[in-house]
Amino acid sequence: MKQEAEVNAESDRLAKDRVEKLNAADSMLFQTEKQLKEFGEKLSDDKKAPIETALENLRKAHASQEISAIDAAMEQINEAWKNASEELYKAQAEAGAAGEQDVHRNIMPGRTAEADVTARPVVTVRRSTWPAGGGR
């Protein structure tokens, strides 16, 4: 039995690697579709098109279950997202800067944000000294 396991170890490892690669591709398909729905409208067409092309290539590679094609398609999709993420980060940074300005406008006139925070009352909650059952 031990000899049989040793003889089949290589084929078992290859089968495991194949299944893991197919699962990774399946996960990448799901994540990419989800992210395109969430962030697609925030991306310019020149950043979105390579992602969609890479997604289609990954779908075809996954359907064919050809590992080398899956590897290439996953690399392509990762590179496309890397390029697009730069645009997303810039958009979020600009939105964050605009939001920060809005926050500062809402502070009471003549007061700083720090003064606004410290001007609020502090509430102290004390624990009862009675036992949990209501004690007598």
N, C-alpha and C. Protein backbone atom coordinates (compact mmCIF):
# COMPACT_ATOMS: atom_id res chain seq x y z
N MET A 1 0.83 -1.19 0.00
CA MET A 1 0.00 0.00 0.00
C MET A 1 0.88 1.26 0.00
N LYS A 2 1.95 1.23 0.78
CA LYS A 2 2.85 2.38 0.84
C LYS A 2 3.54 2.58 -0.50
N GLN A 3 3.91 1.48 -1.15
CA GLN A 3 4.55 1.58 -2.47
C GLN A 3 3.60 2.19 -3.49
N GLU A 4 2.35 1.79 -3.42
CA GLU A 4 1.35 2.32 -4.34
C GLU A 4 1.18 3.83 -4.15
N ALA A 5 1.20 4.28 -2.91
CA ALA A 5 1.08 5.71 -2.62
C ALA A 5 2.28 6.46 -3.17
N GLU A 6 3.47 5.90 -3.02
CA GLU A 6 4.68 6.54 -3.52
C GLU A 6 4.67 6.61 -5.04
N VAL A 7 4.18 5.56 -5.68
CA VAL A 7 4.11 5.52 -7.15
C VAL A 7 3.14 6.58 -7.66
N ASN A 8 2.03 6.77 -6.96
CA ASN A 8 1.00 7.71 -7.41
C ASN A 8 1.17 9.12 -6.86
N ALA A 9 2.21 9.36 -6.06
CA ALA A 9 2.39 10.67 -5.42
C ALA A 9 2.49 11.79 -6.45
N GLU A 10 3.22 11.59 -7.51
CA GLU A 10 3.39 12.64 -8.52
C GLU A 10 2.08 12.94 -9.24
N SER A 11 1.35 11.91 -9.61
CA SER A 11 0.08 12.15 -10.30
C SER A 11 -0.94 12.79 -9.36
N ASP A 12 -0.88 12.42 -8.08
CA ASP A 12 -1.77 13.05 -7.10
C ASP A 12 -1.44 14.53 -6.93
N ARG A 13 -0.15 14.86 -6.90
CA ARG A 13 0.27 16.25 -6.76
C ARG A 13 -0.18 17.07 -7.97
N LEU A 14 -0.03 16.50 -9.16
CA LEU A 14 -0.45 17.20 -10.38
C LEU A 14 -1.97 17.43 -10.39
N ALA A 15 -2.71 16.42 -9.95
CA ALA A 15 -4.17 16.55 -9.90
C ALA A 15 -4.57 17.63 -8.89
N LYS A 16 -3.89 17.65 -7.75
CA LYS A 16 -4.18 18.66 -6.72
C LYS A 16 -3.86 20.06 -7.26
N ASP A 17 -2.70 20.22 -7.90
CA ASP A 17 -2.32 21.51 -8.47
C ASP A 17 -3.34 21.98 -9.51
N ARG A 18 -3.83 21.06 -10.30
CA ARG A 18 -4.80 21.39 -11.34
C ARG A 18 -6.11 21.89 -10.71
N VAL A 19 -6.58 21.19 -9.70
CA VAL A 19 -7.82 21.57 -9.02
C VAL A 19 -7.66 22.93 -8.34
N GLU A 20 -6.51 23.15 -7.69
CA GLU A 20 -6.27 24.43 -7.03
C GLU A 20 -6.23 25.57 -8.04
N LYS A 21 -5.63 25.33 -9.19
CA LYS A 21 -5.54 26.36 -10.23
C LYS A 21 -6.93 26.67 -10.78
N LEU A 22 -7.75 25.65 -11.00
CA LEU A 22 -9.12 25.86 -11.48
C LEU A 22 -9.94 26.63 -10.44
N ASN A 23 -9.76 26.30 -9.17
CA ASN A 23 -10.47 27.01 -8.11
C ASN A 23 -10.03 28.48 -8.03
N ALA A 24 -8.74 28.72 -8.19
CA ALA A 24 -8.22 30.09 -8.17
C ALA A 24 -8.80 30.89 -9.34
N ALA A 25 -8.88 30.26 -10.50
CA ALA A 25 -9.45 30.93 -11.68
C ALA A 25 -10.93 31.22 -11.46
N ASP A 26 -11.63 30.27 -10.88
CA ASP A 26 -13.05 30.46 -10.59
C ASP A 26 -13.25 31.63 -9.62
N SER A 27 -12.44 31.68 -8.61
CA SER A 27 -12.50 32.76 -7.64
C SER A 27 -12.17 34.11 -8.30
N MET A 28 -11.16 34.12 -9.16
CA MET A 28 -10.78 35.35 -9.87
C MET A 28 -11.91 35.84 -10.77
N LEU A 29 -12.60 34.92 -11.42
CA LEU A 29 -13.75 35.29 -12.26
C LEU A 29 -14.82 35.97 -11.42
N PHE A 30 -15.15 35.35 -10.30
CA PHE A 30 -16.19 35.89 -9.43
C PHE A 30 -15.80 37.27 -8.91
N GLN A 31 -14.57 37.40 -8.39
CA GLN A 31 -14.11 38.67 -7.83
C GLN A 31 -14.07 39.79 -8.88
N THR A 32 -13.60 39.44 -10.07
CA THR A 32 -13.50 40.45 -11.12
C THR A 32 -14.88 40.93 -11.56
N GLU A 33 -15.81 40.01 -11.71
CA GLU A 33 -17.17 40.40 -12.08
C GLU A 33 -17.78 41.28 -10.99
N LYS A 34 -17.56 40.93 -9.74
CA LYS A 34 -18.08 41.71 -8.61
C LYS A 34 -17.45 43.10 -8.60
N GLN A 35 -16.14 43.19 -8.78
CA GLN A 35 -15.46 44.48 -8.76
C GLN A 35 -15.86 45.34 -9.95
N LEU A 36 -16.08 44.73 -11.10
CA LEU A 36 -16.52 45.51 -12.25
C LEU A 36 -17.90 46.11 -12.01
N LYS A 37 -18.77 45.36 -11.35
CA LYS A 37 -20.09 45.91 -11.02
C LYS A 37 -19.96 47.05 -10.04
N GLU A 38 -19.07 46.90 -9.07
CA GLU A 38 -18.92 47.91 -8.02
C GLU A 38 -18.18 49.16 -8.50
N PHE A 39 -17.08 48.96 -9.25
CA PHE A 39 -16.23 50.08 -9.62
C PHE A 39 -16.26 50.43 -11.10
N GLY A 40 -16.98 49.66 -11.90
CA GLY A 40 -16.97 49.85 -13.35
C GLY A 40 -17.29 51.25 -13.81
N GLU A 41 -18.26 51.88 -13.17
CA GLU A 41 -18.65 53.23 -13.59
C GLU A 41 -17.61 54.27 -13.20
N LYS A 42 -16.72 53.93 -12.28
CA LYS A 42 -15.68 54.86 -11.85
C LYS A 42 -14.43 54.76 -12.72
N LEU A 43 -14.38 53.76 -13.60
CA LEU A 43 -13.22 53.55 -14.46
C LEU A 43 -13.45 54.15 -15.84
N SER A 44 -12.39 54.69 -16.40
CA SER A 44 -12.50 55.18 -17.78
C SER A 44 -12.50 53.97 -18.72
N ASP A 45 -12.99 54.17 -19.93
CA ASP A 45 -13.09 53.07 -20.89
C ASP A 45 -11.73 52.47 -21.22
N ASP A 46 -10.68 53.30 -21.26
CA ASP A 46 -9.36 52.77 -21.60
C ASP A 46 -8.78 51.90 -20.49
N LYS A 47 -9.29 52.01 -19.26
CA LYS A 47 -8.86 51.15 -18.14
C LYS A 47 -9.79 49.95 -17.99
N LYS A 48 -11.04 50.15 -18.32
CA LYS A 48 -12.05 49.10 -18.15
C LYS A 48 -11.96 48.04 -19.25
N ALA A 49 -11.67 48.45 -20.48
CA ALA A 49 -11.63 47.52 -21.62
C ALA A 49 -10.60 46.40 -21.43
N PRO A 50 -9.38 46.70 -20.99
CA PRO A 50 -8.42 45.59 -20.78
C PRO A 50 -8.87 44.60 -19.71
N ILE A 51 -9.58 45.09 -18.70
CA ILE A 51 -10.08 44.17 -17.66
C ILE A 51 -11.14 43.26 -18.26
N GLU A 52 -12.04 43.83 -19.03
CA GLU A 52 -13.10 43.02 -19.65
C GLU A 52 -12.51 42.01 -20.63
N THR A 53 -11.49 42.41 -21.39
CA THR A 53 -10.83 41.50 -22.33
C THR A 53 -10.16 40.36 -21.56
N ALA A 54 -9.45 40.71 -20.50
CA ALA A 54 -8.77 39.70 -19.69
C ALA A 54 -9.77 38.77 -19.02
N LEU A 55 -10.90 39.32 -18.60
CA LEU A 55 -11.95 38.51 -17.99
C LEU A 55 -12.49 37.49 -18.99
N GLU A 56 -12.71 37.92 -20.21
CA GLU A 56 -13.20 37.00 -21.25
C GLU A 56 -12.15 35.92 -21.54
N ASN A 57 -10.88 36.31 -21.59
CA ASN A 57 -9.81 35.33 -21.81
C ASN A 57 -9.75 34.31 -20.68
N LEU A 58 -9.96 34.77 -19.46
CA LEU A 58 -9.96 33.86 -18.31
C LEU A 58 -11.16 32.92 -18.36
N ARG A 59 -12.31 33.43 -18.78
CA ARG A 59 -13.49 32.56 -18.92
C ARG A 59 -13.21 31.42 -19.91
N LYS A 60 -12.61 31.78 -21.05
CA LYS A 60 -12.31 30.77 -22.08
C LYS A 60 -11.29 29.77 -21.56
N ALA A 61 -10.26 30.26 -20.89
CA ALA A 61 -9.22 29.36 -20.36
C ALA A 61 -9.80 28.45 -19.28
N HIS A 62 -10.67 28.99 -18.45
CA HIS A 62 -11.30 28.19 -17.39
C HIS A 62 -12.18 27.11 -18.00
N ALA A 63 -12.91 27.47 -19.04
CA ALA A 63 -13.79 26.49 -19.70
C ALA A 63 -12.98 25.37 -20.34
N SER A 64 -11.82 25.73 -20.92
CA SER A 64 -10.97 24.71 -21.56
C SER A 64 -10.17 23.91 -20.54
N GLN A 65 -10.05 24.44 -19.32
CA GLN A 65 -9.29 23.83 -18.23
C GLN A 65 -7.82 23.62 -18.60
N GLU A 66 -7.32 24.49 -19.45
CA GLU A 66 -5.93 24.45 -19.87
C GLU A 66 -5.13 25.32 -18.90
N ILE A 67 -4.29 24.69 -18.09
CA ILE A 67 -3.60 25.36 -17.00
C ILE A 67 -2.69 26.50 -17.47
N SER A 68 -1.95 26.28 -18.54
CA SER A 68 -1.05 27.34 -19.03
C SER A 68 -1.85 28.56 -19.50
N ALA A 69 -3.00 28.34 -20.11
CA ALA A 69 -3.85 29.44 -20.55
C ALA A 69 -4.46 30.16 -19.35
N ILE A 70 -4.80 29.41 -18.31
CA ILE A 70 -5.34 30.01 -17.09
C ILE A 70 -4.29 30.89 -16.44
N ASP A 71 -3.05 30.39 -16.35
CA ASP A 71 -1.97 31.18 -15.77
C ASP A 71 -1.77 32.50 -16.52
N ALA A 72 -1.75 32.41 -17.84
CA ALA A 72 -1.55 33.61 -18.67
C ALA A 72 -2.71 34.58 -18.50
N ALA A 73 -3.93 34.08 -18.48
CA ALA A 73 -5.11 34.93 -18.35
C ALA A 73 -5.17 35.58 -16.96
N MET A 74 -4.78 34.85 -15.92
CA MET A 74 -4.78 35.42 -14.58
C MET A 74 -3.71 36.50 -14.46
N GLU A 75 -2.59 36.31 -15.09
CA GLU A 75 -1.54 37.33 -15.09
C GLU A 75 -2.04 38.58 -15.82
N GLN A 76 -2.73 38.37 -16.94
CA GLN A 76 -3.28 39.48 -17.72
C GLN A 76 -4.32 40.27 -16.91
N ILE A 77 -5.17 39.57 -16.21
CA ILE A 77 -6.22 40.24 -15.44
C ILE A 77 -5.62 41.00 -14.25
N ASN A 78 -4.59 40.42 -13.62
CA ASN A 78 -3.93 41.11 -12.51
C ASN A 78 -3.24 42.39 -12.99
N GLU A 79 -2.62 42.33 -14.14
CA GLU A 79 -1.95 43.51 -14.70
C GLU A 79 -2.97 44.59 -15.06
N ALA A 80 -4.10 44.18 -15.63
CA ALA A 80 -5.14 45.14 -16.00
C ALA A 80 -5.70 45.83 -14.75
N TRP A 81 -5.91 45.08 -13.66
CA TRP A 81 -6.42 45.68 -12.43
C TRP A 81 -5.37 46.59 -11.79
N LYS A 82 -4.13 46.20 -11.90
CA LYS A 82 -3.06 47.04 -11.35
C LYS A 82 -3.08 48.41 -12.01
N ASN A 83 -3.20 48.44 -13.33
CA ASN A 83 -3.25 49.70 -14.06
C ASN A 83 -4.51 50.50 -13.72
N ALA A 84 -5.62 49.82 -13.58
CA ALA A 84 -6.88 50.50 -13.29
C ALA A 84 -6.93 51.00 -11.84
N SER A 85 -6.28 50.30 -10.95
CA SER A 85 -6.35 50.68 -9.54
C SER A 85 -5.72 52.05 -9.30
N GLU A 86 -4.73 52.40 -10.08
CA GLU A 86 -4.12 53.72 -9.95
C GLU A 86 -5.17 54.81 -10.17
N GLU A 87 -6.01 54.62 -11.17
CA GLU A 87 -7.07 55.57 -11.46
C GLU A 87 -8.11 55.61 -10.34
N LEU A 88 -8.44 54.44 -9.79
CA LEU A 88 -9.40 54.37 -8.70
C LEU A 88 -8.87 55.08 -7.46
N TYR A 89 -7.61 54.86 -7.14
CA TYR A 89 -7.02 55.50 -5.96
C TYR A 89 -7.01 57.02 -6.10
N LYS A 90 -6.71 57.50 -7.29
CA LYS A 90 -6.72 58.94 -7.52
C LYS A 90 -8.12 59.50 -7.33
N ALA A 91 -9.11 58.79 -7.86
CA ALA A 91 -10.50 59.25 -7.74
C ALA A 91 -10.94 59.25 -6.28
N GLN A 92 -10.55 58.22 -5.53
CA GLN A 92 -10.91 58.15 -4.11
C GLN A 92 -10.21 59.24 -3.31
N ALA A 93 -8.96 59.52 -3.65
CA ALA A 93 -8.22 60.57 -2.95
C ALA A 93 -8.87 61.93 -3.20
N GLU A 94 -9.29 62.17 -4.42
CA GLU A 94 -9.95 63.44 -4.74
C GLU A 94 -11.30 63.54 -4.02
N ALA A 95 -12.03 62.43 -3.98
CA ALA A 95 -13.31 62.42 -3.28
C ALA A 95 -13.09 62.60 -1.79
N GLY A 96 -12.05 61.99 -1.26
CA GLY A 96 -11.73 62.14 0.16
C GLY A 96 -11.37 63.56 0.51
N ALA A 97 -10.62 64.23 -0.35
CA ALA A 97 -10.24 65.63 -0.11
C ALA A 97 -11.48 66.52 -0.15
N ALA A 98 -12.39 66.24 -1.07
CA ALA A 98 -13.63 67.03 -1.16
C ALA A 98 -14.49 66.77 0.07
N GLY A 99 -14.56 65.53 0.52
CA GLY A 99 -15.33 65.19 1.72
C GLY A 99 -14.75 65.84 2.96
N GLU A 100 -13.43 65.92 3.03
CA GLU A 100 -12.77 66.55 4.18
C GLU A 100 -13.12 68.04 4.24
N GLN A 101 -13.19 68.68 3.09
CA GLN A 101 -13.57 70.08 3.06
C GLN A 101 -15.00 70.25 3.56
N ASP A 102 -15.89 69.33 3.19
CA ASP A 102 -17.28 69.39 3.64
C ASP A 102 -17.36 69.25 5.16
N VAL A 103 -16.54 68.39 5.74
CA VAL A 103 -16.55 68.19 7.19
C VAL A 103 -16.16 69.48 7.88
N HIS A 104 -15.14 70.16 7.37
CA HIS A 104 -14.69 71.39 8.00
C HIS A 104 -15.72 72.51 7.87
N ARG A 105 -16.53 72.49 6.86
CA ARG A 105 -17.58 73.50 6.70
C ARG A 105 -18.68 73.33 7.74
N ASN A 106 -18.87 72.09 8.24
CA ASN A 106 -19.95 71.81 9.19
C ASN A 106 -19.59 72.16 10.63
N ILE A 107 -18.35 72.51 10.91
CA ILE A 107 -17.95 72.88 12.26
C ILE A 107 -18.55 74.25 12.57
N MET A 108 -18.91 74.43 13.80
CA MET A 108 -19.51 75.71 14.20
C MET A 108 -18.54 76.85 13.92
N PRO A 109 -19.03 78.00 13.50
CA PRO A 109 -18.16 79.13 13.20
C PRO A 109 -17.33 79.52 14.43
N GLY A 110 -16.07 79.81 14.19
CA GLY A 110 -15.19 80.24 15.25
C GLY A 110 -14.63 79.11 16.10
N ARG A 111 -14.93 77.85 15.74
CA ARG A 111 -14.44 76.72 16.52
C ARG A 111 -13.65 75.78 15.64
N THR A 112 -12.70 75.12 16.21
CA THR A 112 -11.91 74.13 15.47
C THR A 112 -12.54 72.77 15.66
N ALA A 113 -12.11 71.82 14.86
CA ALA A 113 -12.63 70.46 14.98
C ALA A 113 -12.30 69.88 16.35
N GLU A 114 -11.10 70.18 16.87
CA GLU A 114 -10.70 69.65 18.18
C GLU A 114 -11.58 70.20 19.29
N ALA A 115 -11.91 71.50 19.20
CA ALA A 115 -12.77 72.12 20.21
C ALA A 115 -14.15 71.51 20.16
N ASP A 116 -14.63 71.19 18.97
CA ASP A 116 -15.94 70.58 18.81
C ASP A 116 -16.00 69.22 19.50
N VAL A 117 -14.92 68.46 19.38
CA VAL A 117 -14.88 67.13 19.97
C VAL A 117 -14.80 67.21 21.48
N THR A 118 -13.97 68.08 22.00
CA THR A 118 -13.78 68.15 23.45
C THR A 118 -14.91 68.86 24.17
N ALA A 119 -15.76 69.58 23.47
CA ALA A 119 -16.86 70.31 24.11
C ALA A 119 -18.02 69.41 24.48
N ARG A 120 -18.00 68.17 24.05
CA ARG A 120 -19.11 67.26 24.34
C ARG A 120 -18.97 66.70 25.76
N PRO A 121 -20.08 66.50 26.46
CA PRO A 121 -20.01 65.99 27.84
C PRO A 121 -19.56 64.53 27.87
N VAL A 122 -18.91 64.18 28.95
CA VAL A 122 -18.46 62.81 29.15
C VAL A 122 -19.44 62.13 30.08
N VAL A 123 -19.89 60.94 29.71
CA VAL A 123 -20.85 60.20 30.51
C VAL A 123 -20.13 59.02 31.14
N THR A 124 -20.26 58.87 32.45
CA THR A 124 -19.62 57.78 33.17
C THR A 124 -20.70 56.80 33.61
N VAL A 125 -20.48 55.53 33.33
CA VAL A 125 -21.42 54.49 33.73
C VAL A 125 -20.80 53.72 34.88
N ARG A 126 -21.53 53.61 35.99
CA ARG A 126 -21.00 52.90 37.16
C ARG A 126 -21.68 51.55 37.27
N ARG A 127 -20.91 50.60 37.69
CA ARG A 127 -21.45 49.26 37.87
C ARG A 127 -22.15 49.17 39.22
N SER A 128 -23.18 48.38 39.25
CA SER A 128 -23.89 48.14 40.49
C SER A 128 -23.07 47.25 41.39
N THR A 129 -23.18 47.44 42.69
CA THR A 129 -22.46 46.59 43.62
C THR A 129 -23.30 45.42 44.08
N TRP A 130 -24.57 45.39 43.63
CA TRP A 130 -25.45 44.28 44.00
C TRP A 130 -25.06 43.02 43.25
N PRO A 131 -25.25 41.86 43.87
CA PRO A 131 -24.97 40.60 43.18
C PRO A 131 -25.89 40.45 41.97
N ALA A 132 -25.51 39.59 41.05
CA ALA A 132 -26.23 39.40 39.82
C ALA A 132 -27.68 39.01 40.00
N GLY A 133 -28.04 38.32 41.03
CA GLY A 133 -29.41 37.87 41.24
C GLY A 133 -30.32 38.91 41.84
N GLY A 134 -29.86 40.11 42.06
CA GLY A 134 -30.71 41.14 42.63
C GLY A 134 -30.46 41.30 44.11
N GLY A 135 -29.84 40.40 44.76
CA GLY A 135 -29.41 40.40 46.17
C GLY A 135 -30.28 41.13 47.15
N ARG A 136 -30.19 40.75 48.38
CA ARG A 136 -31.00 41.36 49.44
C ARG A 136 -30.13 42.01 50.45
